[in-house]
Amino acid sequence: MKKISVILFLFFIIAPDFLQAQCAMCRAVLESGENTTTAEGVNNGIVYLMAIPYILVGGVFYFIYKRMK
């Protein structure tokens, strides 16, 4: 179990560099300009906002699992 949790932790740390998540409106507005650093910042923000609830829910289930065991 410890090995799986370490792998998941590393995935969530490394994943934002590989994932590209944007809504259609954000992408259209950001791609129309020449400033790519803004687009990258918005993209990273969306990925982090998406990952945090999953990490919190995973932590809750982990503590429930440990408590039941």
PDB file of N, CA and C in Angstrom:
ATOM      1  N   MET A   1       0.821  -1.191   0.000  1.00  0.00           N
ATOM      2  CA  MET A   1       0.000   0.000   0.000  1.00  0.00           C
ATOM      3  C   MET A   1       0.867   1.258   0.000  1.00  0.00           C
ATOM      4  N   LYS A   2       1.978   1.204   0.728  1.00  0.00           N
ATOM      5  CA  LYS A   2       2.854   2.366   0.807  1.00  0.00           C
ATOM      6  C   LYS A   2       3.479   2.674  -0.554  1.00  0.00           C
ATOM      7  N   LYS A   3       3.810   1.632  -1.301  1.00  0.00           N
ATOM      8  CA  LYS A   3       4.408   1.818  -2.619  1.00  0.00           C
ATOM      9  C   LYS A   3       3.427   2.503  -3.568  1.00  0.00           C
ATOM     10  N   ILE A   4       2.153   2.105  -3.496  1.00  0.00           N
ATOM     11  CA  ILE A   4       1.141   2.703  -4.368  1.00  0.00           C
ATOM     12  C   ILE A   4       0.937   4.173  -4.023  1.00  0.00           C
ATOM     13  N   SER A   5       0.913   4.504  -2.746  1.00  0.00           N
ATOM     14  CA  SER A   5       0.711   5.893  -2.345  1.00  0.00           C
ATOM     15  C   SER A   5       1.894   6.765  -2.776  1.00  0.00           C
ATOM     16  N   VAL A   6       3.099   6.232  -2.725  1.00  0.00           N
ATOM     17  CA  VAL A   6       4.270   6.986  -3.180  1.00  0.00           C
ATOM     18  C   VAL A   6       4.194   7.215  -4.681  1.00  0.00           C
ATOM     19  N   ILE A   7       3.780   6.202  -5.427  1.00  0.00           N
ATOM     20  CA  ILE A   7       3.654   6.332  -6.883  1.00  0.00           C
ATOM     21  C   ILE A   7       2.596   7.369  -7.228  1.00  0.00           C
ATOM     22  N   LEU A   8       1.456   7.341  -6.552  1.00  0.00           N
ATOM     23  CA  LEU A   8       0.406   8.324  -6.808  1.00  0.00           C
ATOM     24  C   LEU A   8       0.863   9.733  -6.449  1.00  0.00           C
ATOM     25  N   PHE A   9       1.570   9.869  -5.348  1.00  0.00           N
ATOM     26  CA  PHE A   9       2.087  11.174  -4.958  1.00  0.00           C
ATOM     27  C   PHE A   9       3.032  11.722  -6.029  1.00  0.00           C
ATOM     28  N   LEU A  10       3.943  10.892  -6.504  1.00  0.00           N
ATOM     29  CA  LEU A  10       4.872  11.330  -7.545  1.00  0.00           C
ATOM     30  C   LEU A  10       4.141  11.663  -8.839  1.00  0.00           C
ATOM     31  N   PHE A  11       3.095  10.899  -9.156  1.00  0.00           N
ATOM     32  CA  PHE A  11       2.321  11.179 -10.366  1.00  0.00           C
ATOM     33  C   PHE A  11       1.696  12.564 -10.295  1.00  0.00           C
ATOM     34  N   PHE A  12       1.106  12.919  -9.137  1.00  0.00           N
ATOM     35  CA  PHE A  12       0.463  14.215  -9.016  1.00  0.00           C
ATOM     36  C   PHE A  12       1.463  15.356  -8.988  1.00  0.00           C
ATOM     37  N   ILE A  13       2.671  15.081  -8.597  1.00  0.00           N
ATOM     38  CA  ILE A  13       3.706  16.118  -8.622  1.00  0.00           C
ATOM     39  C   ILE A  13       4.219  16.326 -10.044  1.00  0.00           C
ATOM     40  N   ILE A  14       4.388  15.240 -10.794  1.00  0.00           N
ATOM     41  CA  ILE A  14       4.954  15.310 -12.137  1.00  0.00           C
ATOM     42  C   ILE A  14       3.895  15.569 -13.201  1.00  0.00           C
ATOM     43  N   ALA A  15       2.667  15.127 -12.984  1.00  0.00           N
ATOM     44  CA  ALA A  15       1.620  15.177 -14.000  1.00  0.00           C
ATOM     45  C   ALA A  15       1.342  16.559 -14.574  1.00  0.00           C
ATOM     46  N   PRO A  16       1.325  17.638 -13.802  1.00  0.00           N
ATOM     47  CA  PRO A  16       1.008  18.936 -14.402  1.00  0.00           C
ATOM     48  C   PRO A  16       1.947  19.341 -15.526  1.00  0.00           C
ATOM     49  N   ASP A  17       3.165  18.833 -15.531  1.00  0.00           N
ATOM     50  CA  ASP A  17       4.077  19.148 -16.623  1.00  0.00           C
ATOM     51  C   ASP A  17       3.667  18.474 -17.926  1.00  0.00           C
ATOM     52  N   PHE A  18       2.969  17.343 -17.837  1.00  0.00           N
ATOM     53  CA  PHE A  18       2.611  16.590 -19.021  1.00  0.00           C
ATOM     54  C   PHE A  18       1.178  16.831 -19.489  1.00  0.00           C
ATOM     55  N   LEU A  19       0.297  17.161 -18.576  1.00  0.00           N
ATOM     56  CA  LEU A  19      -1.114  17.311 -18.904  1.00  0.00           C
ATOM     57  C   LEU A  19      -1.410  18.701 -19.444  1.00  0.00           C
ATOM     58  N   GLN A  20      -2.356  18.771 -20.360  1.00  0.00           N
ATOM     59  CA  GLN A  20      -2.804  20.047 -20.902  1.00  0.00           C
ATOM     60  C   GLN A  20      -4.316  20.100 -20.756  1.00  0.00           C
ATOM     61  N   ALA A  21      -4.820  20.910 -19.832  1.00  0.00           N
ATOM     62  CA  ALA A  21      -6.249  20.981 -19.578  1.00  0.00           C
ATOM     63  C   ALA A  21      -6.702  22.431 -19.642  1.00  0.00           C
ATOM     64  N   GLN A  22      -7.554  22.721 -20.619  1.00  0.00           N
ATOM     65  CA  GLN A  22      -8.126  24.054 -20.727  1.00  0.00           C
ATOM     66  C   GLN A  22      -9.527  23.922 -21.288  1.00  0.00           C
ATOM     67  N   CYS A  23     -10.407  24.818 -20.848  1.00  0.00           N
ATOM     68  CA  CYS A  23     -11.730  24.853 -21.448  1.00  0.00           C
ATOM     69  C   CYS A  23     -11.612  25.510 -22.820  1.00  0.00           C
ATOM     70  N   ALA A  24     -12.625  25.351 -23.639  1.00  0.00           N
ATOM     71  CA  ALA A  24     -12.580  25.873 -25.007  1.00  0.00           C
ATOM     72  C   ALA A  24     -12.470  27.399 -25.030  1.00  0.00           C
ATOM     73  N   MET A  25     -13.177  28.081 -24.144  1.00  0.00           N
ATOM     74  CA  MET A  25     -13.129  29.542 -24.130  1.00  0.00           C
ATOM     75  C   MET A  25     -11.752  30.051 -23.697  1.00  0.00           C
ATOM     76  N   CYS A  26     -11.201  29.453 -22.668  1.00  0.00           N
ATOM     77  CA  CYS A  26      -9.867  29.880 -22.213  1.00  0.00           C
ATOM     78  C   CYS A  26      -8.839  29.657 -23.308  1.00  0.00           C
ATOM     79  N   ARG A  27      -8.918  28.520 -23.946  1.00  0.00           N
ATOM     80  CA  ARG A  27      -7.956  28.207 -24.996  1.00  0.00           C
ATOM     81  C   ARG A  27      -8.071  29.193 -26.153  1.00  0.00           C
ATOM     82  N   ALA A  28      -9.303  29.502 -26.571  1.00  0.00           N
ATOM     83  CA  ALA A  28      -9.508  30.424 -27.695  1.00  0.00           C
ATOM     84  C   ALA A  28      -8.970  31.818 -27.373  1.00  0.00           C
ATOM     85  N   VAL A  29      -9.225  32.297 -26.174  1.00  0.00           N
ATOM     86  CA  VAL A  29      -8.756  33.634 -25.796  1.00  0.00           C
ATOM     87  C   VAL A  29      -7.242  33.663 -25.667  1.00  0.00           C
ATOM     88  N   LEU A  30      -6.674  32.646 -25.038  1.00  0.00           N
ATOM     89  CA  LEU A  30      -5.233  32.655 -24.798  1.00  0.00           C
ATOM     90  C   LEU A  30      -4.417  32.370 -26.051  1.00  0.00           C
ATOM     91  N   GLU A  31      -4.954  31.586 -26.979  1.00  0.00           N
ATOM     92  CA  GLU A  31      -4.203  31.302 -28.198  1.00  0.00           C
ATOM     93  C   GLU A  31      -4.247  32.461 -29.181  1.00  0.00           C
ATOM     94  N   SER A  32      -5.203  33.365 -29.015  1.00  0.00           N
ATOM     95  CA  SER A  32      -5.291  34.490 -29.939  1.00  0.00           C
ATOM     96  C   SER A  32      -4.190  35.521 -29.682  1.00  0.00           C
ATOM     97  N   GLY A  33      -3.629  35.547 -28.499  1.00  0.00           N
ATOM     98  CA  GLY A  33      -2.558  36.493 -28.172  1.00  0.00           C
ATOM     99  C   GLY A  33      -1.190  35.883 -28.379  1.00  0.00           C
ATOM    100  N   GLU A  34      -0.164  36.739 -28.336  1.00  0.00           N
ATOM    101  CA  GLU A  34       1.206  36.257 -28.512  1.00  0.00           C
ATOM    102  C   GLU A  34       1.863  35.855 -27.207  1.00  0.00           C
ATOM    103  N   ASN A  35       1.252  36.183 -26.088  1.00  0.00           N
ATOM    104  CA  ASN A  35       1.860  35.920 -24.787  1.00  0.00           C
ATOM    105  C   ASN A  35       1.595  34.468 -24.367  1.00  0.00           C
ATOM    106  N   THR A  36       2.576  33.597 -24.590  1.00  0.00           N
ATOM    107  CA  THR A  36       2.392  32.177 -24.272  1.00  0.00           C
ATOM    108  C   THR A  36       2.605  31.887 -22.792  1.00  0.00           C
ATOM    109  N   THR A  37       3.307  32.762 -22.070  1.00  0.00           N
ATOM    110  CA  THR A  37       3.509  32.517 -20.645  1.00  0.00           C
ATOM    111  C   THR A  37       2.203  32.624 -19.875  1.00  0.00           C
ATOM    112  N   THR A  38       1.318  33.512 -20.320  1.00  0.00           N
ATOM    113  CA  THR A  38       0.001  33.621 -19.683  1.00  0.00           C
ATOM    114  C   THR A  38      -0.795  32.357 -19.910  1.00  0.00           C
ATOM    115  N   ALA A  39      -0.749  31.830 -21.122  1.00  0.00           N
ATOM    116  CA  ALA A  39      -1.464  30.596 -21.441  1.00  0.00           C
ATOM    117  C   ALA A  39      -0.938  29.434 -20.606  1.00  0.00           C
ATOM    118  N   GLU A  40       0.356  29.347 -20.447  1.00  0.00           N
ATOM    119  CA  GLU A  40       0.937  28.284 -19.625  1.00  0.00           C
ATOM    120  C   GLU A  40       0.537  28.436 -18.168  1.00  0.00           C
ATOM    121  N   GLY A  41       0.485  29.650 -17.672  1.00  0.00           N
ATOM    122  CA  GLY A  41       0.084  29.890 -16.290  1.00  0.00           C
ATOM    123  C   GLY A  41      -1.356  29.493 -16.037  1.00  0.00           C
ATOM    124  N   VAL A  42      -2.247  29.847 -16.957  1.00  0.00           N
ATOM    125  CA  VAL A  42      -3.659  29.464 -16.819  1.00  0.00           C
ATOM    126  C   VAL A  42      -3.790  27.950 -16.894  1.00  0.00           C
ATOM    127  N   ASN A  43      -3.068  27.335 -17.804  1.00  0.00           N
ATOM    128  CA  ASN A  43      -3.114  25.882 -17.958  1.00  0.00           C
ATOM    129  C   ASN A  43      -2.648  25.184 -16.677  1.00  0.00           C
ATOM    130  N   ASN A  44      -1.563  25.626 -16.094  1.00  0.00           N
ATOM    131  CA  ASN A  44      -1.068  25.024 -14.851  1.00  0.00           C
ATOM    132  C   ASN A  44      -2.052  25.244 -13.704  1.00  0.00           C
ATOM    133  N   GLY A  45      -2.670  26.408 -13.657  1.00  0.00           N
ATOM    134  CA  GLY A  45      -3.663  26.677 -12.624  1.00  0.00           C
ATOM    135  C   GLY A  45      -4.856  25.740 -12.712  1.00  0.00           C
ATOM    136  N   ILE A  46      -5.312  25.481 -13.917  1.00  0.00           N
ATOM    137  CA  ILE A  46      -6.440  24.570 -14.112  1.00  0.00           C
ATOM    138  C   ILE A  46      -6.071  23.161 -13.671  1.00  0.00           C
ATOM    139  N   VAL A  47      -4.877  22.717 -14.011  1.00  0.00           N
ATOM    140  CA  VAL A  47      -4.443  21.367 -13.624  1.00  0.00           C
ATOM    141  C   VAL A  47      -4.337  21.252 -12.111  1.00  0.00           C
ATOM    142  N   TYR A  48      -3.771  22.251 -11.447  1.00  0.00           N
ATOM    143  CA  TYR A  48      -3.655  22.204  -9.982  1.00  0.00           C
ATOM    144  C   TYR A  48      -5.032  22.234  -9.325  1.00  0.00           C
ATOM    145  N   LEU A  49      -5.936  23.055  -9.834  1.00  0.00           N
ATOM    146  CA  LEU A  49      -7.283  23.101  -9.271  1.00  0.00           C
ATOM    147  C   LEU A  49      -8.014  21.775  -9.461  1.00  0.00           C
ATOM    148  N   MET A  50      -7.714  21.072 -10.537  1.00  0.00           N
ATOM    149  CA  MET A  50      -8.332  19.776 -10.788  1.00  0.00           C
ATOM    150  C   MET A  50      -7.744  18.705  -9.862  1.00  0.00           C
ATOM    151  N   ALA A  51      -6.466  18.785  -9.556  1.00  0.00           N
ATOM    152  CA  ALA A  51      -5.803  17.731  -8.793  1.00  0.00           C
ATOM    153  C   ALA A  51      -6.078  17.800  -7.297  1.00  0.00           C
ATOM    154  N   ILE A  52      -6.264  18.987  -6.757  1.00  0.00           N
ATOM    155  CA  ILE A  52      -6.403  19.138  -5.310  1.00  0.00           C
ATOM    156  C   ILE A  52      -7.597  18.362  -4.738  1.00  0.00           C
ATOM    157  N   PRO A  53      -8.795  18.414  -5.340  1.00  0.00           N
ATOM    158  CA  PRO A  53      -9.895  17.615  -4.771  1.00  0.00           C
ATOM    159  C   PRO A  53      -9.610  16.114  -4.770  1.00  0.00           C
ATOM    160  N   TYR A  54      -8.952  15.625  -5.797  1.00  0.00           N
ATOM    161  CA  TYR A  54      -8.618  14.199  -5.841  1.00  0.00           C
ATOM    162  C   TYR A  54      -7.634  13.833  -4.737  1.00  0.00           C
ATOM    163  N   ILE A  55      -6.683  14.685  -4.469  1.00  0.00           N
ATOM    164  CA  ILE A  55      -5.721  14.425  -3.405  1.00  0.00           C
ATOM    165  C   ILE A  55      -6.420  14.430  -2.047  1.00  0.00           C
ATOM    166  N   LEU A  56      -7.315  15.387  -1.841  1.00  0.00           N
ATOM    167  CA  LEU A  56      -8.038  15.454  -0.565  1.00  0.00           C
ATOM    168  C   LEU A  56      -8.925  14.223  -0.354  1.00  0.00           C
ATOM    169  N   VAL A  57      -9.656  13.820  -1.373  1.00  0.00           N
ATOM    170  CA  VAL A  57     -10.521  12.639  -1.260  1.00  0.00           C
ATOM    171  C   VAL A  57      -9.669  11.391  -1.041  1.00  0.00           C
ATOM    172  N   GLY A  58      -8.547  11.290  -1.741  1.00  0.00           N
ATOM    173  CA  GLY A  58      -7.644  10.161  -1.539  1.00  0.00           C
ATOM    174  C   GLY A  58      -7.110  10.113  -0.118  1.00  0.00           C
ATOM    175  N   GLY A  59      -6.793  11.275   0.442  1.00  0.00           N
ATOM    176  CA  GLY A  59      -6.322  11.327   1.817  1.00  0.00           C
ATOM    177  C   GLY A  59      -7.393  10.883   2.806  1.00  0.00           C
ATOM    178  N   VAL A  60      -8.630  11.293   2.569  1.00  0.00           N
ATOM    179  CA  VAL A  60      -9.731  10.882   3.450  1.00  0.00           C
ATOM    180  C   VAL A  60      -9.910   9.367   3.392  1.00  0.00           C
ATOM    181  N   PHE A  61      -9.917   8.806   2.190  1.00  0.00           N
ATOM    182  CA  PHE A  61     -10.065   7.354   2.068  1.00  0.00           C
ATOM    183  C   PHE A  61      -8.875   6.610   2.676  1.00  0.00           C
ATOM    184  N   TYR A  62      -7.688   7.187   2.584  1.00  0.00           N
ATOM    185  CA  TYR A  62      -6.514   6.564   3.182  1.00  0.00           C
ATOM    186  C   TYR A  62      -6.660   6.499   4.706  1.00  0.00           C
ATOM    187  N   PHE A  63      -7.089   7.608   5.306  1.00  0.00           N
ATOM    188  CA  PHE A  63      -7.267   7.611   6.764  1.00  0.00           C
ATOM    189  C   PHE A  63      -8.391   6.686   7.198  1.00  0.00           C
ATOM    190  N   ILE A  64      -9.447   6.595   6.408  1.00  0.00           N
ATOM    191  CA  ILE A  64     -10.526   5.646   6.721  1.00  0.00           C
ATOM    192  C   ILE A  64     -10.006   4.221   6.635  1.00  0.00           C
ATOM    193  N   TYR A  65      -9.212   3.953   5.600  1.00  0.00           N
ATOM    194  CA  TYR A  65      -8.639   2.616   5.432  1.00  0.00           C
ATOM    195  C   TYR A  65      -7.745   2.249   6.625  1.00  0.00           C
ATOM    196  N   LYS A  66      -6.885   3.181   7.019  1.00  0.00           N
ATOM    197  CA  LYS A  66      -5.983   2.934   8.145  1.00  0.00           C
ATOM    198  C   LYS A  66      -6.773   2.741   9.446  1.00  0.00           C
ATOM    199  N   ARG A  67      -7.863   3.482   9.611  1.00  0.00           N
ATOM    200  CA  ARG A  67      -8.665   3.388  10.818  1.00  0.00           C
ATOM    201  C   ARG A  67      -9.406   2.053  10.893  1.00  0.00           C
ATOM    202  N   MET A  68      -9.846   1.538   9.761  1.00  0.00           N
ATOM    203  CA  MET A  68     -10.581   0.284   9.721  1.00  0.00           C
ATOM    204  C   MET A  68      -9.658  -0.914   9.865  1.00  0.00           C
ATOM    205  N   LYS A  69      -8.400  -0.756   9.507  1.00  0.00           N
ATOM    206  CA  LYS A  69      -7.462  -1.868   9.533  1.00  0.00           C
ATOM    207  C   LYS A  69      -6.900  -2.142  10.874  1.00  0.00           C
TER     208      LYS A  69
END
